[in-house]
PDB file of all heavy atoms in Angstrom:
ATOM      1  N   ALA A   1       0.827  -1.208   0.000  1.00  0.00           N
ATOM      2  CA  ALA A   1       0.000   0.000   0.000  1.00  0.00           C
ATOM      3  C   ALA A   1       0.862   1.259   0.000  1.00  0.00           C
ATOM      4  O   ALA A   1       0.565   2.241  -0.690  1.00  0.00           O
ATOM      5  CB  ALA A   1      -0.929  -0.014   1.212  1.00  0.00           C
ATOM      6  N   GLU A   2       1.953   1.242   0.779  1.00  0.00           N
ATOM      7  CA  GLU A   2       2.823   2.415   0.852  1.00  0.00           C
ATOM      8  C   GLU A   2       3.562   2.657  -0.462  1.00  0.00           C
ATOM      9  O   GLU A   2       3.732   3.802  -0.890  1.00  0.00           O
ATOM     10  CB  GLU A   2       3.831   2.245   1.985  1.00  0.00           C
ATOM     11  CG  GLU A   2       4.732   3.455   2.187  1.00  0.00           C
ATOM     12  CD  GLU A   2       5.710   3.273   3.329  1.00  0.00           C
ATOM     13  OE1 GLU A   2       5.638   2.241   4.027  1.00  0.00           O
ATOM     14  OE2 GLU A   2       6.571   4.157   3.520  1.00  0.00           O
ATOM     15  N   ALA A   3       4.003   1.565  -1.095  1.00  0.00           N
ATOM     16  CA  ALA A   3       4.774   1.705  -2.333  1.00  0.00           C
ATOM     17  C   ALA A   3       3.899   1.971  -3.548  1.00  0.00           C
ATOM     18  O   ALA A   3       4.374   2.514  -4.542  1.00  0.00           O
ATOM     19  CB  ALA A   3       5.608   0.443  -2.564  1.00  0.00           C
ATOM     20  N   GLY A   4       2.632   1.582  -3.469  1.00  0.00           N
ATOM     21  CA  GLY A   4       1.734   1.840  -4.592  1.00  0.00           C
ATOM     22  C   GLY A   4       1.728   0.756  -5.647  1.00  0.00           C
ATOM     23  O   GLY A   4       1.379   1.028  -6.797  1.00  0.00           O
ATOM     24  N   VAL A   5       2.112  -0.498  -5.278  1.00  0.00           N
ATOM     25  CA  VAL A   5       2.039  -1.577  -6.256  1.00  0.00           C
ATOM     26  C   VAL A   5       0.595  -2.033  -6.395  1.00  0.00           C
ATOM     27  O   VAL A   5      -0.242  -1.804  -5.520  1.00  0.00           O
ATOM     28  CB  VAL A   5       2.941  -2.764  -5.853  1.00  0.00           C
ATOM     29  CG1 VAL A   5       4.397  -2.367  -5.842  1.00  0.00           C
ATOM     30  CG2 VAL A   5       2.543  -3.323  -4.496  1.00  0.00           C
ATOM     31  N   ASP A   6       0.312  -2.695  -7.523  1.00  0.00           N
ATOM     32  CA  ASP A   6      -1.067  -3.096  -7.795  1.00  0.00           C
ATOM     33  C   ASP A   6      -1.486  -4.344  -7.029  1.00  0.00           C
ATOM     34  O   ASP A   6      -2.659  -4.524  -6.721  1.00  0.00           O
ATOM     35  CB  ASP A   6      -1.241  -3.338  -9.301  1.00  0.00           C
ATOM     36  CG  ASP A   6      -0.975  -2.082 -10.102  1.00  0.00           C
ATOM     37  OD1 ASP A   6      -1.521  -1.027  -9.734  1.00  0.00           O
ATOM     38  OD2 ASP A   6      -0.212  -2.144 -11.077  1.00  0.00           O
ATOM     39  N   ASP A   7      -0.523  -5.231  -6.730  1.00  0.00           N
ATOM     40  CA  ASP A   7      -0.866  -6.473  -6.037  1.00  0.00           C
ATOM     41  C   ASP A   7       0.394  -6.990  -5.347  1.00  0.00           C
ATOM     42  O   ASP A   7       1.493  -6.468  -5.560  1.00  0.00           O
ATOM     43  CB  ASP A   7      -1.390  -7.509  -7.035  1.00  0.00           C
ATOM     44  CG  ASP A   7      -2.235  -8.591  -6.363  1.00  0.00           C
ATOM     45  OD1 ASP A   7      -2.333  -8.590  -5.111  1.00  0.00           O
ATOM     46  OD2 ASP A   7      -2.767  -9.453  -7.096  1.00  0.00           O
ATOM     47  N   PHE A   8       0.235  -8.002  -4.529  1.00  0.00           N
ATOM     48  CA  PHE A   8       1.397  -8.579  -3.845  1.00  0.00           C
ATOM     49  C   PHE A   8       1.186 -10.062  -3.632  1.00  0.00           C
ATOM     50  O   PHE A   8       0.051 -10.560  -3.614  1.00  0.00           O
ATOM     51  CB  PHE A   8       1.660  -7.878  -2.505  1.00  0.00           C
ATOM     52  CG  PHE A   8       0.570  -8.075  -1.484  1.00  0.00           C
ATOM     53  CD1 PHE A   8       0.613  -9.149  -0.604  1.00  0.00           C
ATOM     54  CD2 PHE A   8      -0.498  -7.191  -1.407  1.00  0.00           C
ATOM     55  CE1 PHE A   8      -0.393  -9.340   0.329  1.00  0.00           C
ATOM     56  CE2 PHE A   8      -1.503  -7.367  -0.474  1.00  0.00           C
ATOM     57  CZ  PHE A   8      -1.450  -8.446   0.407  1.00  0.00           C
ATOM     58  N   LEU A   9       2.313 -10.770  -3.490  1.00  0.00           N
ATOM     59  CA  LEU A   9       2.296 -12.182  -3.153  1.00  0.00           C
ATOM     60  C   LEU A   9       3.137 -12.345  -1.903  1.00  0.00           C
ATOM     61  O   LEU A   9       4.351 -12.156  -1.925  1.00  0.00           O
ATOM     62  CB  LEU A   9       2.875 -13.024  -4.304  1.00  0.00           C
ATOM     63  CG  LEU A   9       2.990 -14.536  -4.053  1.00  0.00           C
ATOM     64  CD1 LEU A   9       1.601 -15.145  -3.879  1.00  0.00           C
ATOM     65  CD2 LEU A   9       3.729 -15.221  -5.195  1.00  0.00           C
ATOM     66  N   ALA A  10       2.476 -12.674  -0.770  1.00  0.00           N
ATOM     67  CA  ALA A  10       3.167 -12.792   0.512  1.00  0.00           C
ATOM     68  C   ALA A  10       3.590 -14.237   0.756  1.00  0.00           C
ATOM     69  O   ALA A  10       3.014 -15.174   0.205  1.00  0.00           O
ATOM     70  CB  ALA A  10       2.258 -12.309   1.635  1.00  0.00           C
ATOM     71  N   GLU A  11       4.621 -14.386   1.619  1.00  0.00           N
ATOM     72  CA  GLU A  11       5.143 -15.701   1.985  1.00  0.00           C
ATOM     73  C   GLU A  11       5.371 -16.557   0.738  1.00  0.00           C
ATOM     74  O   GLU A  11       4.987 -17.726   0.666  1.00  0.00           O
ATOM     75  CB  GLU A  11       4.192 -16.387   2.960  1.00  0.00           C
ATOM     76  CG  GLU A  11       4.016 -15.599   4.267  1.00  0.00           C
ATOM     77  CD  GLU A  11       3.033 -16.249   5.217  1.00  0.00           C
ATOM     78  OE1 GLU A  11       2.400 -17.258   4.820  1.00  0.00           O
ATOM     79  OE2 GLU A  11       2.886 -15.767   6.352  1.00  0.00           O
ATOM     80  N   ALA A  12       5.987 -15.930  -0.271  1.00  0.00           N
ATOM     81  CA  ALA A  12       6.132 -16.559  -1.581  1.00  0.00           C
ATOM     82  C   ALA A  12       7.167 -17.676  -1.556  1.00  0.00           C
ATOM     83  O   ALA A  12       8.262 -17.513  -1.028  1.00  0.00           O
ATOM     84  CB  ALA A  12       6.518 -15.511  -2.619  1.00  0.00           C
ATOM     85  N   THR A  13       6.832 -18.791  -2.137  1.00  0.00           N
ATOM     86  CA  THR A  13       7.752 -19.910  -2.347  1.00  0.00           C
ATOM     87  C   THR A  13       8.057 -19.990  -3.845  1.00  0.00           C
ATOM     88  O   THR A  13       7.339 -19.417  -4.669  1.00  0.00           O
ATOM     89  CB  THR A  13       7.123 -21.230  -1.885  1.00  0.00           C
ATOM     90  OG1 THR A  13       5.971 -21.505  -2.712  1.00  0.00           O
ATOM     91  CG2 THR A  13       6.688 -21.144  -0.426  1.00  0.00           C
ATOM     92  N   PRO A  14       9.126 -20.711  -4.230  1.00  0.00           N
ATOM     93  CA  PRO A  14       9.422 -20.846  -5.662  1.00  0.00           C
ATOM     94  C   PRO A  14       8.246 -21.392  -6.468  1.00  0.00           C
ATOM     95  O   PRO A  14       7.980 -20.926  -7.581  1.00  0.00           O
ATOM     96  CB  PRO A  14      10.612 -21.819  -5.671  1.00  0.00           C
ATOM     97  CG  PRO A  14      11.289 -21.578  -4.358  1.00  0.00           C
ATOM     98  CD  PRO A  14      10.183 -21.287  -3.388  1.00  0.00           C
ATOM     99  N   ASP A  15       7.525 -22.368  -5.911  1.00  0.00           N
ATOM    100  CA  ASP A  15       6.372 -22.929  -6.620  1.00  0.00           C
ATOM    101  C   ASP A  15       5.272 -21.896  -6.801  1.00  0.00           C
ATOM    102  O   ASP A  15       4.615 -21.848  -7.856  1.00  0.00           O
ATOM    103  CB  ASP A  15       5.822 -24.139  -5.865  1.00  0.00           C
ATOM    104  CG  ASP A  15       6.761 -25.340  -5.941  1.00  0.00           C
ATOM    105  OD1 ASP A  15       7.619 -25.347  -6.833  1.00  0.00           O
ATOM    106  OD2 ASP A  15       6.624 -26.249  -5.093  1.00  0.00           O
ATOM    107  N   GLU A  16       5.072 -21.064  -5.787  1.00  0.00           N
ATOM    108  CA  GLU A  16       4.027 -20.036  -5.884  1.00  0.00           C
ATOM    109  C   GLU A  16       4.402 -18.958  -6.904  1.00  0.00           C
ATOM    110  O   GLU A  16       3.543 -18.435  -7.616  1.00  0.00           O
ATOM    111  CB  GLU A  16       3.782 -19.420  -4.505  1.00  0.00           C
ATOM    112  CG  GLU A  16       3.074 -20.368  -3.548  1.00  0.00           C
ATOM    113  CD  GLU A  16       2.992 -19.814  -2.134  1.00  0.00           C
ATOM    114  OE1 GLU A  16       3.853 -18.980  -1.788  1.00  0.00           O
ATOM    115  OE2 GLU A  16       2.083 -20.220  -1.386  1.00  0.00           O
ATOM    116  N   LYS A  17       5.690 -18.602  -6.971  1.00  0.00           N
ATOM    117  CA  LYS A  17       6.128 -17.648  -7.999  1.00  0.00           C
ATOM    118  C   LYS A  17       5.845 -18.199  -9.395  1.00  0.00           C
ATOM    119  O   LYS A  17       5.340 -17.500 -10.267  1.00  0.00           O
ATOM    120  CB  LYS A  17       7.632 -17.367  -7.865  1.00  0.00           C
ATOM    121  CG  LYS A  17       8.032 -16.552  -6.654  1.00  0.00           C
ATOM    122  CD  LYS A  17       9.544 -16.313  -6.678  1.00  0.00           C
ATOM    123  CE  LYS A  17      10.014 -15.586  -5.439  1.00  0.00           C
ATOM    124  NZ  LYS A  17      11.485 -15.374  -5.451  1.00  0.00           N
ATOM    125  N   LEU A  18       6.209 -19.460  -9.598  1.00  0.00           N
ATOM    126  CA  LEU A  18       6.004 -20.097 -10.900  1.00  0.00           C
ATOM    127  C   LEU A  18       4.524 -20.164 -11.246  1.00  0.00           C
ATOM    128  O   LEU A  18       4.129 -19.880 -12.395  1.00  0.00           O
ATOM    129  CB  LEU A  18       6.616 -21.499 -10.876  1.00  0.00           C
ATOM    130  CG  LEU A  18       6.629 -22.274 -12.204  1.00  0.00           C
ATOM    131  CD1 LEU A  18       7.431 -21.522 -13.250  1.00  0.00           C
ATOM    132  CD2 LEU A  18       7.200 -23.669 -11.981  1.00  0.00           C
ATOM    133  N   ALA A  19       3.711 -20.498 -10.261  1.00  0.00           N
ATOM    134  CA  ALA A  19       2.268 -20.588 -10.493  1.00  0.00           C
ATOM    135  C   ALA A  19       1.689 -19.219 -10.841  1.00  0.00           C
ATOM    136  O   ALA A  19       0.811 -19.110 -11.715  1.00  0.00           O
ATOM    137  CB  ALA A  19       1.577 -21.160  -9.256  1.00  0.00           C
ATOM    138  N   LEU A  20       2.181 -18.162 -10.189  1.00  0.00           N
ATOM    139  CA  LEU A  20       1.692 -16.816 -10.471  1.00  0.00           C
ATOM    140  C   LEU A  20       2.040 -16.397 -11.898  1.00  0.00           C
ATOM    141  O   LEU A  20       1.207 -15.807 -12.608  1.00  0.00           O
ATOM    142  CB  LEU A  20       2.291 -15.826  -9.471  1.00  0.00           C
ATOM    143  CG  LEU A  20       1.955 -14.343  -9.688  1.00  0.00           C
ATOM    144  CD1 LEU A  20       0.442 -14.123  -9.617  1.00  0.00           C
ATOM    145  CD2 LEU A  20       2.675 -13.471  -8.665  1.00  0.00           C
ATOM    146  N   ILE A  21       3.253 -16.710 -12.338  1.00  0.00           N
ATOM    147  CA  ILE A  21       3.661 -16.355 -13.703  1.00  0.00           C
ATOM    148  C   ILE A  21       2.791 -17.083 -14.725  1.00  0.00           C
ATOM    149  O   ILE A  21       2.310 -16.487 -15.698  1.00  0.00           O
ATOM    150  CB  ILE A  21       5.152 -16.686 -13.915  1.00  0.00           C
ATOM    151  CG1 ILE A  21       6.022 -15.770 -13.061  1.00  0.00           C
ATOM    152  CG2 ILE A  21       5.532 -16.557 -15.385  1.00  0.00           C
ATOM    153  CD1 ILE A  21       7.492 -16.127 -13.083  1.00  0.00           C
ATOM    154  N   LYS A  22       2.579 -18.371 -14.504  1.00  0.00           N
ATOM    155  CA  LYS A  22       1.753 -19.149 -15.436  1.00  0.00           C
ATOM    156  C   LYS A  22       0.319 -18.619 -15.474  1.00  0.00           C
ATOM    157  O   LYS A  22      -0.307 -18.556 -16.545  1.00  0.00           O
ATOM    158  CB  LYS A  22       1.759 -20.624 -15.036  1.00  0.00           C
ATOM    159  CG  LYS A  22       3.089 -21.323 -15.289  1.00  0.00           C
ATOM    160  CD  LYS A  22       3.023 -22.792 -14.894  1.00  0.00           C
ATOM    161  CE  LYS A  22       4.328 -23.498 -15.214  1.00  0.00           C
ATOM    162  NZ  LYS A  22       4.296 -24.939 -14.823  1.00  0.00           N
ATOM    163  N   LYS A  23      -0.196 -18.222 -14.320  1.00  0.00           N
ATOM    164  CA  LYS A  23      -1.557 -17.686 -14.264  1.00  0.00           C
ATOM    165  C   LYS A  23      -1.663 -16.394 -15.077  1.00  0.00           C
ATOM    166  O   LYS A  23      -2.634 -16.196 -15.822  1.00  0.00           O
ATOM    167  CB  LYS A  23      -1.945 -17.429 -12.804  1.00  0.00           C
ATOM    168  CG  LYS A  23      -3.337 -16.851 -12.639  1.00  0.00           C
ATOM    169  CD  LYS A  23      -3.649 -16.576 -11.165  1.00  0.00           C
ATOM    170  CE  LYS A  23      -5.011 -15.929 -10.998  1.00  0.00           C
ATOM    171  NZ  LYS A  23      -5.300 -15.615  -9.561  1.00  0.00           N
ATOM    172  N   GLU A  24      -0.672 -15.525 -14.933  1.00  0.00           N
ATOM    173  CA  GLU A  24      -0.673 -14.274 -15.698  1.00  0.00           C
ATOM    174  C   GLU A  24      -0.561 -14.556 -17.190  1.00  0.00           C
ATOM    175  O   GLU A  24      -1.249 -13.931 -18.007  1.00  0.00           O
ATOM    176  CB  GLU A  24       0.490 -13.379 -15.244  1.00  0.00           C
ATOM    177  CG  GLU A  24       0.371 -12.844 -13.831  1.00  0.00           C
ATOM    178  CD  GLU A  24      -0.709 -11.791 -13.698  1.00  0.00           C
ATOM    179  OE1 GLU A  24      -0.882 -11.000 -14.638  1.00  0.00           O
ATOM    180  OE2 GLU A  24      -1.388 -11.758 -12.653  1.00  0.00           O
ATOM    181  N   GLN A  25       0.298 -15.487 -17.555  1.00  0.00           N
ATOM    182  CA  GLN A  25       0.484 -15.808 -18.978  1.00  0.00           C
ATOM    183  C   GLN A  25      -0.759 -16.458 -19.565  1.00  0.00           C
ATOM    184  O   GLN A  25      -1.098 -16.204 -20.728  1.00  0.00           O
ATOM    185  CB  GLN A  25       1.705 -16.718 -19.147  1.00  0.00           C
ATOM    186  CG  GLN A  25       3.026 -16.009 -18.868  1.00  0.00           C
ATOM    187  CD  GLN A  25       4.208 -16.955 -18.847  1.00  0.00           C
ATOM    188  OE1 GLN A  25       4.069 -18.137 -18.528  1.00  0.00           O
ATOM    189  NE2 GLN A  25       5.392 -16.446 -19.162  1.00  0.00           N
ATOM    190  N   ASP A  26      -1.434 -17.285 -18.786  1.00  0.00           N
ATOM    191  CA  ASP A  26      -2.681 -17.897 -19.255  1.00  0.00           C
ATOM    192  C   ASP A  26      -3.742 -16.841 -19.524  1.00  0.00           C
ATOM    193  O   ASP A  26      -4.647 -17.057 -20.342  1.00  0.00           O
ATOM    194  CB  ASP A  26      -3.204 -18.908 -18.228  1.00  0.00           C
ATOM    195  CG  ASP A  26      -2.325 -20.153 -18.138  1.00  0.00           C
ATOM    196  OD1 ASP A  26      -1.536 -20.378 -19.080  1.00  0.00           O
ATOM    197  OD2 ASP A  26      -2.402 -20.881 -17.121  1.00  0.00           O
ATOM    198  N   GLY A  27      -3.617 -15.709 -18.836  1.00  0.00           N
ATOM    199  CA  GLY A  27      -4.548 -14.605 -19.061  1.00  0.00           C
ATOM    200  C   GLY A  27      -4.131 -13.694 -20.205  1.00  0.00           C
ATOM    201  O   GLY A  27      -4.722 -12.626 -20.397  1.00  0.00           O
ATOM    202  N   GLY A  28      -3.112 -14.113 -20.966  1.00  0.00           N
ATOM    203  CA  GLY A  28      -2.691 -13.340 -22.134  1.00  0.00           C
ATOM    204  C   GLY A  28      -1.730 -12.215 -21.823  1.00  0.00           C
ATOM    205  O   GLY A  28      -1.523 -11.331 -22.666  1.00  0.00           O
TER     206      GLY A  28
END
């Protein structure tokens, strides 16, 4: 909220990072 980013991923693990990227790419 302070930095002004649009979203965040907390307590991120390598698998969660990979899943987030794939989800974004699946959305075009």
